Amino acid sequence: MGLAPGVEVRVVSNMGSFGPIMVAVGSTKIGIGRGMARRVLVRPNDTGHPE
């Protein structure tokens, strides 16, 4: 459970320029602060389409 290299994540909620960003990792939702979110590097999945 949590963010780790190779794990697929999906943004669930992004309230503009304030508050935490909610992401889904599998069936788990995680709220991360914007400072931490700025440090997370992501890339599109191989298909380019959400699964």
N, C-alpha and C. Protein backbone atom coordinates (compact mmCIF):
# COMPACT_ATOMS: atom_id res chain seq x y z
N MET A 1 0.84 -1.17 0.00
CA MET A 1 0.00 0.00 0.00
C MET A 1 0.89 1.24 0.00
N GLY A 2 0.62 2.16 -0.91
CA GLY A 2 1.38 3.40 -0.96
C GLY A 2 2.02 3.61 -2.31
N LEU A 3 2.76 4.70 -2.40
CA LEU A 3 3.44 5.02 -3.64
C LEU A 3 4.81 4.35 -3.65
N ALA A 4 5.12 3.72 -4.75
CA ALA A 4 6.41 3.05 -4.92
C ALA A 4 6.73 3.02 -6.41
N PRO A 5 8.00 2.88 -6.77
CA PRO A 5 8.35 2.80 -8.19
C PRO A 5 7.59 1.68 -8.89
N GLY A 6 7.04 1.99 -10.06
CA GLY A 6 6.33 0.99 -10.86
C GLY A 6 4.86 0.84 -10.54
N VAL A 7 4.37 1.52 -9.49
CA VAL A 7 2.97 1.42 -9.09
C VAL A 7 2.14 2.39 -9.92
N GLU A 8 0.98 1.93 -10.40
CA GLU A 8 0.09 2.79 -11.17
C GLU A 8 -0.75 3.63 -10.23
N VAL A 9 -0.79 4.94 -10.47
CA VAL A 9 -1.60 5.85 -9.65
C VAL A 9 -2.54 6.64 -10.56
N ARG A 10 -3.62 7.11 -9.97
CA ARG A 10 -4.61 7.89 -10.69
C ARG A 10 -5.01 9.07 -9.81
N VAL A 11 -5.04 10.29 -10.36
CA VAL A 11 -5.48 11.46 -9.60
C VAL A 11 -6.99 11.38 -9.45
N VAL A 12 -7.45 11.43 -8.20
CA VAL A 12 -8.88 11.36 -7.89
C VAL A 12 -9.44 12.75 -7.68
N SER A 13 -8.68 13.61 -6.99
CA SER A 13 -9.16 14.95 -6.68
C SER A 13 -7.99 15.91 -6.63
N ASN A 14 -8.14 17.05 -7.30
CA ASN A 14 -7.16 18.11 -7.28
C ASN A 14 -7.94 19.41 -7.21
N MET A 15 -7.99 20.02 -6.03
CA MET A 15 -8.85 21.17 -5.79
C MET A 15 -8.19 22.49 -6.20
N GLY A 16 -7.60 22.53 -7.37
CA GLY A 16 -7.00 23.77 -7.85
C GLY A 16 -5.65 24.03 -7.22
N SER A 17 -5.50 25.15 -6.53
CA SER A 17 -4.19 25.53 -5.99
C SER A 17 -4.10 25.41 -4.47
N PHE A 18 -5.02 24.69 -3.85
CA PHE A 18 -4.96 24.55 -2.39
C PHE A 18 -5.40 23.15 -1.98
N GLY A 19 -5.02 22.76 -0.78
CA GLY A 19 -5.42 21.47 -0.23
C GLY A 19 -4.63 20.30 -0.79
N PRO A 20 -4.83 19.13 -0.20
CA PRO A 20 -4.10 17.95 -0.66
C PRO A 20 -4.60 17.45 -2.01
N ILE A 21 -3.78 16.64 -2.65
CA ILE A 21 -4.15 15.96 -3.88
C ILE A 21 -4.47 14.52 -3.51
N MET A 22 -5.63 14.05 -3.93
CA MET A 22 -6.04 12.68 -3.65
C MET A 22 -5.68 11.81 -4.85
N VAL A 23 -4.97 10.73 -4.59
CA VAL A 23 -4.63 9.79 -5.65
C VAL A 23 -5.11 8.40 -5.26
N ALA A 24 -5.39 7.59 -6.25
CA ALA A 24 -5.79 6.20 -6.02
C ALA A 24 -4.65 5.30 -6.43
N VAL A 25 -4.30 4.40 -5.53
CA VAL A 25 -3.30 3.37 -5.79
C VAL A 25 -4.04 2.05 -5.61
N GLY A 26 -4.40 1.43 -6.73
CA GLY A 26 -5.28 0.26 -6.64
C GLY A 26 -6.62 0.71 -6.10
N SER A 27 -7.10 0.07 -5.04
CA SER A 27 -8.38 0.44 -4.44
C SER A 27 -8.20 1.36 -3.24
N THR A 28 -6.96 1.79 -2.96
CA THR A 28 -6.66 2.65 -1.82
C THR A 28 -6.53 4.09 -2.28
N LYS A 29 -7.16 5.01 -1.55
CA LYS A 29 -7.02 6.44 -1.83
C LYS A 29 -6.06 7.04 -0.82
N ILE A 30 -5.15 7.88 -1.32
CA ILE A 30 -4.14 8.50 -0.48
C ILE A 30 -4.17 10.00 -0.72
N GLY A 31 -4.15 10.79 0.35
CA GLY A 31 -4.05 12.24 0.23
C GLY A 31 -2.61 12.64 0.47
N ILE A 32 -2.04 13.39 -0.46
CA ILE A 32 -0.67 13.87 -0.28
C ILE A 32 -0.65 15.38 -0.43
N GLY A 33 0.18 16.01 0.38
CA GLY A 33 0.31 17.46 0.33
C GLY A 33 0.96 17.89 -0.98
N ARG A 34 0.75 19.14 -1.31
CA ARG A 34 1.28 19.66 -2.57
C ARG A 34 2.80 19.66 -2.61
N GLY A 35 3.46 19.90 -1.48
CA GLY A 35 4.92 19.85 -1.44
C GLY A 35 5.43 18.47 -1.80
N MET A 36 4.81 17.44 -1.25
CA MET A 36 5.19 16.06 -1.57
C MET A 36 4.82 15.72 -3.01
N ALA A 37 3.64 16.17 -3.44
CA ALA A 37 3.19 15.88 -4.80
C ALA A 37 4.16 16.44 -5.84
N ARG A 38 4.77 17.58 -5.54
CA ARG A 38 5.75 18.16 -6.47
C ARG A 38 6.98 17.29 -6.65
N ARG A 39 7.23 16.41 -5.71
CA ARG A 39 8.41 15.55 -5.77
C ARG A 39 8.14 14.18 -6.42
N VAL A 40 6.87 13.91 -6.72
CA VAL A 40 6.50 12.62 -7.32
C VAL A 40 6.63 12.74 -8.84
N LEU A 41 7.44 11.88 -9.42
CA LEU A 41 7.61 11.85 -10.87
C LEU A 41 6.78 10.72 -11.45
N VAL A 42 6.02 11.02 -12.49
CA VAL A 42 5.17 10.01 -13.11
C VAL A 42 5.39 10.00 -14.62
N ARG A 43 4.95 8.94 -15.25
CA ARG A 43 4.95 8.87 -16.71
C ARG A 43 3.69 8.13 -17.13
N PRO A 44 3.21 8.40 -18.34
CA PRO A 44 2.01 7.72 -18.83
C PRO A 44 2.22 6.21 -18.88
N ASN A 45 1.13 5.45 -18.72
CA ASN A 45 1.26 3.99 -18.87
C ASN A 45 1.55 3.65 -20.32
N ASP A 46 1.92 2.43 -20.61
CA ASP A 46 2.33 2.01 -21.95
C ASP A 46 1.28 2.26 -23.01
N THR A 47 0.02 2.13 -22.66
CA THR A 47 -1.05 2.29 -23.65
C THR A 47 -1.45 3.74 -23.84
N GLY A 48 -1.15 4.58 -22.84
CA GLY A 48 -1.56 5.97 -22.91
C GLY A 48 -3.00 6.18 -22.54
N HIS A 49 -3.72 5.11 -22.16
CA HIS A 49 -5.12 5.19 -21.77
C HIS A 49 -5.27 4.70 -20.35
N PRO A 50 -6.12 5.34 -19.54
CA PRO A 50 -6.37 4.82 -18.20
C PRO A 50 -6.99 3.43 -18.27
N GLU A 51 -6.65 2.63 -17.30
CA GLU A 51 -7.20 1.26 -17.28
C GLU A 51 -8.35 1.16 -16.33
